[in-house]
C-alpha atoms as a PDB file:
ATOM      1  CA  MET A   1     -34.965 -31.978  50.687  1.00  0.00           C
ATOM      2  CA  ALA A   2     -33.329 -35.155  52.573  1.00  0.00           C
ATOM      3  CA  LYS A   3     -35.959 -37.492  53.557  1.00  0.00           C
ATOM      4  CA  LEU A   4     -36.213 -39.262  57.125  1.00  0.00           C
ATOM      5  CA  THR A   5     -35.454 -42.872  57.241  1.00  0.00           C
ATOM      6  CA  ARG A   6     -38.148 -45.385  58.783  1.00  0.00           C
ATOM      7  CA  GLU A   7     -35.963 -45.340  61.548  1.00  0.00           C
ATOM      8  CA  GLU A   8     -35.459 -41.379  62.034  1.00  0.00           C
ATOM      9  CA  LEU A   9     -39.386 -41.376  61.699  1.00  0.00           C
ATOM     10  CA  ILE A  10     -40.131 -43.290  64.639  1.00  0.00           C
ATOM     11  CA  GLN A  11     -37.783 -41.480  66.393  1.00  0.00           C
ATOM     12  CA  HIS A  12     -39.852 -37.885  65.448  1.00  0.00           C
ATOM     13  CA  LEU A  13     -42.891 -39.759  66.305  1.00  0.00           C
ATOM     14  CA  LYS A  14     -42.456 -40.178  69.811  1.00  0.00           C
ATOM     15  CA  LYS A  15     -42.742 -36.214  70.419  1.00  0.00           C
ATOM     16  CA  ILE A  16     -46.378 -36.292  68.485  1.00  0.00           C
ATOM     17  CA  LYS A  17     -49.763 -35.816  69.994  1.00  0.00           C
ATOM     18  CA  LEU A  18     -51.985 -35.058  66.925  1.00  0.00           C
ATOM     19  CA  LEU A  19     -52.050 -36.928  63.799  1.00  0.00           C
ATOM     20  CA  ALA A  20     -53.718 -34.457  60.995  1.00  0.00           C
ATOM     21  CA  LEU A  21     -55.126 -36.318  58.052  1.00  0.00           C
ATOM     22  CA  ASP A  22     -56.042 -35.052  54.431  1.00  0.00           C
ATOM     23  CA  VAL A  23     -58.742 -37.114  53.157  1.00  0.00           C
ATOM     24  CA  ASP A  24     -58.611 -37.358  49.445  1.00  0.00           C
ATOM     25  CA  GLY A  25     -55.857 -39.171  48.223  1.00  0.00           C
ATOM     26  CA  VAL A  26     -54.464 -40.242  51.824  1.00  0.00           C
ATOM     27  CA  LEU A  27     -57.270 -42.083  53.091  1.00  0.00           C
ATOM     28  CA  THR A  28     -58.823 -42.833  49.660  1.00  0.00           C
ATOM     29  CA  ASP A  29     -57.526 -43.633  46.557  1.00  0.00           C
ATOM     30  CA  ASP A  30     -57.769 -40.109  45.259  1.00  0.00           C
ATOM     31  CA  SER A  31     -61.092 -41.138  43.638  1.00  0.00           C
ATOM     32  CA  ILE A  32     -64.394 -39.880  43.992  1.00  0.00           C
ATOM     33  CA  TYR A  33     -67.409 -41.539  42.470  1.00  0.00           C
ATOM     34  CA  PHE A  34     -70.558 -39.437  41.592  1.00  0.00           C
ATOM     35  CA  GLY A  35     -74.067 -40.769  40.878  1.00  0.00           C
ATOM     36  CA  PRO A  36     -76.368 -38.856  38.278  1.00  0.00           C
ATOM     37  CA  ASP A  37     -77.953 -37.435  41.316  1.00  0.00           C
ATOM     38  CA  GLY A  38     -75.271 -36.266  42.666  1.00  0.00           C
ATOM     39  CA  TRP A  39     -74.923 -38.940  45.242  1.00  0.00           C
ATOM     40  CA  GLU A  40     -71.137 -39.018  46.212  1.00  0.00           C
ATOM     41  CA  LEU A  41     -69.315 -42.570  47.246  1.00  0.00           C
ATOM     42  CA  LYS A  42     -65.658 -42.835  48.267  1.00  0.00           C
ATOM     43  CA  ARG A  43     -63.467 -46.070  49.152  1.00  0.00           C
ATOM     44  CA  PHE A  44     -61.699 -45.853  52.364  1.00  0.00           C
ATOM     45  CA  ASN A  45     -59.075 -48.170  53.599  1.00  0.00           C
ATOM     46  CA  ILE A  46     -60.487 -50.545  56.045  1.00  0.00           C
ATOM     47  CA  SER A  47     -56.802 -51.027  57.548  1.00  0.00           C
ATOM     48  CA  ASP A  48     -56.276 -47.286  57.743  1.00  0.00           C
ATOM     49  CA  GLY A  49     -59.255 -46.940  59.576  1.00  0.00           C
ATOM     50  CA  LEU A  50     -58.732 -49.692  62.127  1.00  0.00           C
ATOM     51  CA  PHE A  51     -55.337 -48.423  63.043  1.00  0.00           C
ATOM     52  CA  MET A  52     -56.729 -44.627  63.461  1.00  0.00           C
ATOM     53  CA  VAL A  53     -59.144 -46.374  66.230  1.00  0.00           C
ATOM     54  CA  LEU A  54     -56.221 -48.343  67.996  1.00  0.00           C
ATOM     55  CA  ALA A  55     -53.954 -45.428  68.252  1.00  0.00           C
ATOM     56  CA  MET A  56     -57.235 -43.019  69.188  1.00  0.00           C
ATOM     57  CA  ARG A  57     -57.277 -45.511  72.002  1.00  0.00           C
ATOM     58  CA  GLN A  58     -53.834 -45.478  72.846  1.00  0.00           C
ATOM     59  CA  GLY A  59     -54.202 -41.688  73.571  1.00  0.00           C
ATOM     60  CA  LEU A  60     -53.127 -40.117  69.998  1.00  0.00           C
ATOM     61  CA  LYS A  61     -55.399 -37.423  68.736  1.00  0.00           C
ATOM     62  CA  ILE A  62     -56.642 -37.708  64.908  1.00  0.00           C
ATOM     63  CA  ALA A  63     -57.793 -34.597  62.928  1.00  0.00           C
ATOM     64  CA  ILE A  64     -59.136 -34.686  59.621  1.00  0.00           C
ATOM     65  CA  VAL A  65     -58.445 -31.472  57.530  1.00  0.00           C
ATOM     66  CA  SER A  66     -59.883 -31.791  54.226  1.00  0.00           C
ATOM     67  CA  GLY A  67     -60.171 -28.671  51.854  1.00  0.00           C
ATOM     68  CA  ARG A  68     -63.521 -30.123  50.592  1.00  0.00           C
ATOM     69  CA  TYR A  69     -66.591 -30.762  52.337  1.00  0.00           C
ATOM     70  CA  SER A  70     -67.635 -34.439  51.955  1.00  0.00           C
ATOM     71  CA  PRO A  71     -70.998 -36.058  53.683  1.00  0.00           C
ATOM     72  CA  ALA A  72     -68.703 -39.228  52.851  1.00  0.00           C
ATOM     73  CA  THR A  73     -66.058 -38.146  54.898  1.00  0.00           C
ATOM     74  CA  THR A  74     -68.267 -37.568  57.399  1.00  0.00           C
ATOM     75  CA  THR A  75     -70.272 -40.672  57.316  1.00  0.00           C
ATOM     76  CA  ARG A  76     -66.959 -42.687  57.479  1.00  0.00           C
ATOM     77  CA  MET A  77     -65.031 -40.575  60.270  1.00  0.00           C
ATOM     78  CA  LYS A  78     -68.392 -40.607  62.445  1.00  0.00           C
ATOM     79  CA  ASP A  79     -68.265 -44.637  62.011  1.00  0.00           C
ATOM     80  CA  LEU A  80     -64.632 -44.263  63.125  1.00  0.00           C
ATOM     81  CA  GLY A  81     -65.250 -42.123  66.017  1.00  0.00           C
ATOM     82  CA  ILE A  82     -63.007 -39.258  64.856  1.00  0.00           C
ATOM     83  CA  PRO A  83     -63.968 -36.315  66.793  1.00  0.00           C
ATOM     84  CA  TYR A  84     -61.973 -33.590  64.752  1.00  0.00           C
ATOM     85  CA  VAL A  85     -63.467 -33.510  61.361  1.00  0.00           C
ATOM     86  CA  LEU A  86     -62.581 -30.011  59.640  1.00  0.00           C
ATOM     87  CA  GLN A  87     -63.257 -29.659  56.391  1.00  0.00           C
ATOM     88  CA  GLY A  88     -64.304 -26.940  53.488  1.00  0.00           C
ATOM     89  CA  MET A  89     -61.191 -24.727  53.962  1.00  0.00           C
ATOM     90  CA  LYS A  90     -58.456 -24.299  51.250  1.00  0.00           C
ATOM     91  CA  ASP A  91     -55.801 -23.090  54.148  1.00  0.00           C
ATOM     92  CA  LYS A  92     -55.382 -25.937  56.388  1.00  0.00           C
ATOM     93  CA  VAL A  93     -53.153 -24.081  58.801  1.00  0.00           C
ATOM     94  CA  GLU A  94     -55.931 -21.827  59.074  1.00  0.00           C
ATOM     95  CA  MET A  95     -58.435 -24.777  59.757  1.00  0.00           C
ATOM     96  CA  LEU A  96     -56.191 -26.519  62.143  1.00  0.00           C
ATOM     97  CA  THR A  97     -55.007 -23.603  64.283  1.00  0.00           C
ATOM     98  CA  PRO A  98     -58.390 -23.068  66.454  1.00  0.00           C
ATOM     99  CA  LEU A  99     -58.099 -27.103  67.108  1.00  0.00           C
ATOM    100  CA  LEU A 100     -54.848 -26.730  68.460  1.00  0.00           C
ATOM    101  CA  LYS A 101     -55.605 -24.098  70.688  1.00  0.00           C
ATOM    102  CA  GLU A 102     -58.359 -25.610  72.012  1.00  0.00           C
ATOM    103  CA  LEU A 103     -56.363 -29.060  72.577  1.00  0.00           C
ATOM    104  CA  ASN A 104     -53.316 -27.002  74.167  1.00  0.00           C
ATOM    105  CA  ILE A 105     -51.010 -28.946  71.324  1.00  0.00           C
ATOM    106  CA  SER A 106     -48.516 -26.834  69.177  1.00  0.00           C
ATOM    107  CA  PHE A 107     -47.862 -27.051  65.728  1.00  0.00           C
ATOM    108  CA  ASN A 108     -44.376 -28.861  66.834  1.00  0.00           C
ATOM    109  CA  GLU A 109     -46.108 -31.635  68.413  1.00  0.00           C
ATOM    110  CA  VAL A 110     -48.110 -32.244  65.133  1.00  0.00           C
ATOM    111  CA  ALA A 111     -47.903 -34.829  62.177  1.00  0.00           C
ATOM    112  CA  PHE A 112     -49.470 -34.162  58.717  1.00  0.00           C
ATOM    113  CA  MET A 113     -50.200 -36.476  55.866  1.00  0.00           C
ATOM    114  CA  GLY A 114     -51.024 -35.107  52.528  1.00  0.00           C
ATOM    115  CA  ASN A 115     -51.011 -35.763  48.919  1.00  0.00           C
ATOM    116  CA  GLU A 116     -51.563 -32.898  46.915  1.00  0.00           C
ATOM    117  CA  ILE A 117     -50.151 -28.926  46.329  1.00  0.00           C
ATOM    118  CA  LEU A 118     -52.872 -27.718  48.837  1.00  0.00           C
ATOM    119  CA  ASP A 119     -51.188 -29.636  51.589  1.00  0.00           C
ATOM    120  CA  ILE A 120     -47.850 -28.124  51.257  1.00  0.00           C
ATOM    121  CA  LYS A 121     -48.429 -25.106  53.586  1.00  0.00           C
ATOM    122  CA  LEU A 122     -49.162 -27.334  56.585  1.00  0.00           C
ATOM    123  CA  ALA A 123     -46.414 -29.916  55.856  1.00  0.00           C
ATOM    124  CA  LYS A 124     -44.260 -27.330  56.228  1.00  0.00           C
ATOM    125  CA  LYS A 125     -45.917 -25.700  59.445  1.00  0.00           C
ATOM    126  CA  VAL A 126     -45.885 -29.220  61.507  1.00  0.00           C
ATOM    127  CA  ALA A 127     -43.076 -30.839  62.971  1.00  0.00           C
ATOM    128  CA  LEU A 128     -43.682 -33.972  60.794  1.00  0.00           C
ATOM    129  CA  GLY A 129     -44.605 -33.472  57.118  1.00  0.00           C
ATOM    130  CA  ILE A 130     -45.637 -36.924  55.693  1.00  0.00           C
ATOM    131  CA  ALA A 131     -46.726 -37.535  51.600  1.00  0.00           C
ATOM    132  CA  VAL A 132     -47.992 -40.433  50.642  1.00  0.00           C
ATOM    133  CA  SER A 133     -46.033 -42.253  47.913  1.00  0.00           C
ATOM    134  CA  ASP A 134     -48.432 -41.321  45.090  1.00  0.00           C
ATOM    135  CA  ALA A 135     -48.421 -37.598  46.245  1.00  0.00           C
ATOM    136  CA  ASN A 136     -47.468 -34.317  44.264  1.00  0.00           C
ATOM    137  CA  ALA A 137     -44.091 -33.776  43.622  1.00  0.00           C
ATOM    138  CA  GLN A 138     -44.078 -30.261  45.040  1.00  0.00           C
ATOM    139  CA  LEU A 139     -45.586 -32.096  48.225  1.00  0.00           C
ATOM    140  CA  ILE A 140     -43.126 -34.986  48.133  1.00  0.00           C
ATOM    141  CA  GLU A 141     -40.184 -32.536  47.776  1.00  0.00           C
ATOM    142  CA  VAL A 142     -40.922 -30.424  51.104  1.00  0.00           C
ATOM    143  CA  ALA A 143     -42.098 -33.349  53.053  1.00  0.00           C
ATOM    144  CA  ASP A 144     -40.198 -34.885  55.957  1.00  0.00           C
ATOM    145  CA  TYR A 145     -41.139 -38.574  54.979  1.00  0.00           C
ATOM    146  CA  VAL A 146     -42.636 -40.343  51.953  1.00  0.00           C
ATOM    147  CA  THR A 147     -44.623 -43.696  52.748  1.00  0.00           C
ATOM    148  CA  GLN A 148     -44.136 -46.747  50.959  1.00  0.00           C
ATOM    149  CA  LYS A 149     -47.631 -47.107  50.481  1.00  0.00           C
ATOM    150  CA  ALA A 150     -50.167 -45.219  48.146  1.00  0.00           C
ATOM    151  CA  GLY A 151     -52.775 -42.865  49.206  1.00  0.00           C
ATOM    152  CA  GLY A 152     -55.898 -45.398  50.115  1.00  0.00           C
ATOM    153  CA  GLN A 153     -53.716 -48.223  50.207  1.00  0.00           C
ATOM    154  CA  GLY A 154     -52.650 -48.412  53.704  1.00  0.00           C
ATOM    155  CA  ALA A 155     -50.444 -45.636  54.071  1.00  0.00           C
ATOM    156  CA  VAL A 156     -52.109 -44.344  56.997  1.00  0.00           C
ATOM    157  CA  ARG A 157     -51.546 -47.565  58.771  1.00  0.00           C
ATOM    158  CA  GLU A 158     -48.013 -47.540  57.705  1.00  0.00           C
ATOM    159  CA  ILE A 159     -47.266 -44.395  59.820  1.00  0.00           C
ATOM    160  CA  ILE A 160     -49.469 -45.584  62.603  1.00  0.00           C
ATOM    161  CA  GLU A 161     -47.744 -48.932  62.850  1.00  0.00           C
ATOM    162  CA  CYS A 162     -44.476 -46.554  63.219  1.00  0.00           C
ATOM    163  CA  TYR A 163     -46.304 -44.516  65.806  1.00  0.00           C
ATOM    164  CA  PHE A 164     -47.146 -47.708  68.079  1.00  0.00           C
ATOM    165  CA  GLU A 165     -43.579 -48.858  67.072  1.00  0.00           C
ATOM    166  CA  ALA A 166     -42.043 -45.077  68.639  1.00  0.00           C
ATOM    167  CA  ILE A 167     -43.992 -45.358  71.640  1.00  0.00           C
ATOM    168  CA  ASN A 168     -43.188 -48.913  72.131  1.00  0.00           C
ATOM    169  CA  GLN A 169     -46.906 -50.298  72.520  1.00  0.00           C
ATOM    170  CA  ASP A 170     -48.225 -53.253  70.690  1.00  0.00           C
ATOM    171  CA  PRO A 171     -51.514 -52.477  68.861  1.00  0.00           C
ATOM    172  CA  LYS A 172     -53.153 -55.616  69.346  1.00  0.00           C
ATOM    173  CA  SER A 173     -52.997 -54.211  73.094  1.00  0.00           C
ATOM    174  CA  PHE A 174     -55.591 -51.544  72.052  1.00  0.00           C
ATOM    175  CA  LEU A 175     -57.969 -54.192  70.562  1.00  0.00           C
ATOM    176  CA  VAL A 176     -61.628 -54.306  71.965  1.00  0.00           C
END
């Protein structure tokens, strides 16, 4: 499948109302740290978080769609003020559908970023399926766009910077 160029991606982002993000391998480097008592730690990219907040201030809706429930994810998304944190379902289309109905947004107005075979179904369903550069080859094959940056290394910021370019806004305008 031919991939969008950065310029084509920017054009497609103009119609996006919601950015759905996988967590492990997209917002993190695909690592989880466990202590002996089961305590879990994840490493999130700070710049990704900053740009998620700036995009929400501009009006873009952001939803987390993770097949795995994680208290660390819940804590980080609460810290960022992400209102839509969906976790613990393997079928991400089924997971996201009720939220889209609630927000009156269609799949044709959604971009989704993923990294793994679990993300293929949703990537194919939305208007814009995005794979991080270090994603599974099968997801890369079906994705509309592949980031330059790896998951957990600024890939989300990369896409949100393109979104701001698409809507002709300076992200610095949304700093508080």
